Amino acid sequence: MTDARFEAFLAKIYVDERARVKFLADPRGEALKAGLTPQQIEDVVKIDREGLEMFAASLKRKKNHG
């Protein structure tokens, strides 16, 4: 079940701009609120922020064009 929670958290920050802004402002806090494991929290704290924004923009373009 934990992996599903982690995947859902990532999906949310990829597609939900408000969630992404909150995450980028406080990655550890948002990951804690989501109930992620300590290792998962450490993993998302180290996320490539530029890559996150680029992937989110790509998903948004795909949604709007297809």
N, C-alpha and C. Protein backbone atom coordinates (compact mmCIF):
# COMPACT_ATOMS: atom_id res chain seq x y z
N MET A 1 0.82 -1.20 0.00
CA MET A 1 0.00 0.00 0.00
C MET A 1 0.86 1.26 0.00
N THR A 2 2.02 1.18 0.64
CA THR A 2 2.88 2.35 0.71
C THR A 2 3.33 2.81 -0.67
N ASP A 3 3.65 1.87 -1.55
CA ASP A 3 4.08 2.24 -2.90
C ASP A 3 2.97 2.98 -3.63
N ALA A 4 1.73 2.55 -3.44
CA ALA A 4 0.59 3.23 -4.08
C ALA A 4 0.48 4.66 -3.55
N ARG A 5 0.72 4.85 -2.28
CA ARG A 5 0.66 6.19 -1.68
C ARG A 5 1.76 7.07 -2.28
N PHE A 6 2.94 6.52 -2.43
CA PHE A 6 4.07 7.25 -3.00
C PHE A 6 3.78 7.64 -4.45
N GLU A 7 3.29 6.68 -5.23
CA GLU A 7 2.96 6.95 -6.63
C GLU A 7 1.86 7.99 -6.75
N ALA A 8 0.86 7.92 -5.88
CA ALA A 8 -0.23 8.90 -5.91
C ALA A 8 0.29 10.29 -5.56
N PHE A 9 1.22 10.36 -4.62
CA PHE A 9 1.82 11.65 -4.24
C PHE A 9 2.57 12.25 -5.42
N LEU A 10 3.38 11.44 -6.09
CA LEU A 10 4.12 11.93 -7.26
C LEU A 10 3.17 12.37 -8.37
N ALA A 11 2.16 11.56 -8.63
CA ALA A 11 1.20 11.91 -9.69
C ALA A 11 0.54 13.24 -9.38
N LYS A 12 0.20 13.45 -8.13
CA LYS A 12 -0.47 14.70 -7.76
C LYS A 12 0.44 15.90 -7.99
N ILE A 13 1.70 15.81 -7.60
CA ILE A 13 2.57 16.97 -7.80
C ILE A 13 2.93 17.17 -9.27
N TYR A 14 2.78 16.14 -10.08
CA TYR A 14 3.01 16.30 -11.52
C TYR A 14 1.84 17.01 -12.20
N VAL A 15 0.61 16.72 -11.79
CA VAL A 15 -0.55 17.24 -12.52
C VAL A 15 -1.30 18.36 -11.82
N ASP A 16 -1.10 18.54 -10.53
CA ASP A 16 -1.84 19.55 -9.77
C ASP A 16 -0.89 20.70 -9.42
N GLU A 17 -1.07 21.81 -10.11
CA GLU A 17 -0.15 22.94 -9.93
C GLU A 17 -0.13 23.44 -8.49
N ARG A 18 -1.28 23.51 -7.87
CA ARG A 18 -1.36 23.99 -6.47
C ARG A 18 -0.57 23.05 -5.55
N ALA A 19 -0.75 21.74 -5.73
CA ALA A 19 -0.01 20.76 -4.93
C ALA A 19 1.48 20.88 -5.18
N ARG A 20 1.86 21.12 -6.43
CA ARG A 20 3.28 21.25 -6.78
C ARG A 20 3.89 22.48 -6.11
N VAL A 21 3.18 23.59 -6.12
CA VAL A 21 3.68 24.82 -5.48
C VAL A 21 3.87 24.59 -3.98
N LYS A 22 2.89 23.94 -3.35
CA LYS A 22 3.00 23.64 -1.92
C LYS A 22 4.18 22.71 -1.65
N PHE A 23 4.34 21.71 -2.52
CA PHE A 23 5.45 20.78 -2.36
C PHE A 23 6.79 21.49 -2.50
N LEU A 24 6.93 22.31 -3.51
CA LEU A 24 8.20 23.00 -3.74
C LEU A 24 8.53 23.97 -2.60
N ALA A 25 7.51 24.51 -1.96
CA ALA A 25 7.73 25.41 -0.82
C ALA A 25 8.15 24.65 0.43
N ASP A 26 7.68 23.41 0.58
CA ASP A 26 7.97 22.61 1.77
C ASP A 26 7.91 21.12 1.44
N PRO A 27 8.92 20.63 0.72
CA PRO A 27 8.89 19.23 0.28
C PRO A 27 8.73 18.23 1.42
N ARG A 28 9.51 18.40 2.47
CA ARG A 28 9.45 17.45 3.58
C ARG A 28 8.09 17.49 4.27
N GLY A 29 7.60 18.68 4.51
CA GLY A 29 6.30 18.82 5.18
C GLY A 29 5.17 18.22 4.38
N GLU A 30 5.15 18.46 3.07
CA GLU A 30 4.09 17.90 2.23
C GLU A 30 4.20 16.39 2.14
N ALA A 31 5.42 15.87 2.08
CA ALA A 31 5.61 14.42 2.04
C ALA A 31 5.17 13.78 3.36
N LEU A 32 5.46 14.44 4.47
CA LEU A 32 5.00 13.94 5.77
C LEU A 32 3.49 13.92 5.84
N LYS A 33 2.86 15.00 5.40
CA LYS A 33 1.39 15.07 5.41
C LYS A 33 0.78 13.96 4.56
N ALA A 34 1.48 13.57 3.50
CA ALA A 34 0.98 12.52 2.61
C ALA A 34 1.17 11.12 3.18
N GLY A 35 1.87 11.03 4.30
CA GLY A 35 2.07 9.73 4.94
C GLY A 35 3.14 8.87 4.31
N LEU A 36 4.11 9.50 3.64
CA LEU A 36 5.18 8.73 3.02
C LEU A 36 6.13 8.19 4.08
N THR A 37 6.84 7.14 3.73
CA THR A 37 7.82 6.55 4.63
C THR A 37 9.04 7.47 4.73
N PRO A 38 9.84 7.30 5.76
CA PRO A 38 11.05 8.13 5.87
C PRO A 38 11.94 8.07 4.62
N GLN A 39 12.11 6.89 4.02
CA GLN A 39 12.94 6.77 2.82
C GLN A 39 12.30 7.50 1.64
N GLN A 40 11.00 7.36 1.50
CA GLN A 40 10.30 8.05 0.41
C GLN A 40 10.39 9.56 0.58
N ILE A 41 10.30 10.02 1.81
CA ILE A 41 10.44 11.45 2.08
C ILE A 41 11.81 11.93 1.64
N GLU A 42 12.84 11.19 2.00
CA GLU A 42 14.19 11.58 1.59
C GLU A 42 14.32 11.58 0.07
N ASP A 43 13.69 10.62 -0.57
CA ASP A 43 13.74 10.56 -2.04
C ASP A 43 13.08 11.78 -2.67
N VAL A 44 11.90 12.17 -2.20
CA VAL A 44 11.22 13.30 -2.83
C VAL A 44 11.87 14.63 -2.46
N VAL A 45 12.50 14.70 -1.31
CA VAL A 45 13.21 15.94 -0.94
C VAL A 45 14.34 16.20 -1.93
N LYS A 46 14.94 15.14 -2.46
CA LYS A 46 16.05 15.26 -3.40
C LYS A 46 15.61 15.37 -4.85
N ILE A 47 14.30 15.45 -5.09
CA ILE A 47 13.78 15.45 -6.46
C ILE A 47 14.40 16.58 -7.28
N ASP A 48 14.62 16.30 -8.52
CA ASP A 48 15.14 17.32 -9.45
C ASP A 48 14.00 18.30 -9.74
N ARG A 49 14.08 19.46 -9.15
CA ARG A 49 13.00 20.45 -9.26
C ARG A 49 12.78 20.91 -10.70
N GLU A 50 13.86 21.13 -11.41
CA GLU A 50 13.73 21.55 -12.81
C GLU A 50 13.08 20.44 -13.63
N GLY A 51 13.49 19.21 -13.40
CA GLY A 51 12.90 18.08 -14.09
C GLY A 51 11.42 17.92 -13.75
N LEU A 52 11.08 18.15 -12.50
CA LEU A 52 9.68 18.09 -12.07
C LEU A 52 8.84 19.11 -12.84
N GLU A 53 9.33 20.33 -12.92
CA GLU A 53 8.59 21.39 -13.62
C GLU A 53 8.48 21.08 -15.12
N MET A 54 9.56 20.56 -15.70
CA MET A 54 9.53 20.23 -17.13
C MET A 54 8.54 19.10 -17.42
N PHE A 55 8.55 18.08 -16.57
CA PHE A 55 7.64 16.95 -16.77
C PHE A 55 6.19 17.41 -16.59
N ALA A 56 5.94 18.23 -15.58
CA ALA A 56 4.59 18.75 -15.35
C ALA A 56 4.11 19.56 -16.55
N ALA A 57 4.99 20.39 -17.10
CA ALA A 57 4.63 21.20 -18.27
C ALA A 57 4.33 20.29 -19.46
N SER A 58 5.11 19.23 -19.62
CA SER A 58 4.89 18.29 -20.72
C SER A 58 3.53 17.61 -20.58
N LEU A 59 3.20 17.19 -19.38
CA LEU A 59 1.90 16.56 -19.15
C LEU A 59 0.76 17.54 -19.44
N LYS A 60 0.94 18.78 -19.05
CA LYS A 60 -0.09 19.79 -19.28
C LYS A 60 -0.30 20.00 -20.77
N ARG A 61 0.79 20.07 -21.53
CA ARG A 61 0.68 20.25 -22.99
C ARG A 61 -0.05 19.06 -23.61
N LYS A 62 0.30 17.85 -23.18
CA LYS A 62 -0.35 16.65 -23.72
C LYS A 62 -1.85 16.65 -23.40
N LYS A 63 -2.18 17.08 -22.21
CA LYS A 63 -3.58 17.13 -21.80
C LYS A 63 -4.35 18.14 -22.65
N ASN A 64 -3.74 19.27 -22.91
CA ASN A 64 -4.40 20.33 -23.66
C ASN A 64 -4.46 20.06 -25.16
N HIS A 65 -3.61 19.17 -25.66
CA HIS A 65 -3.56 18.91 -27.10
C HIS A 65 -3.97 17.49 -27.48
N GLY A 66 -4.43 16.76 -26.56
CA GLY A 66 -4.72 15.42 -27.00
C GLY A 66 -5.64 14.67 -26.18
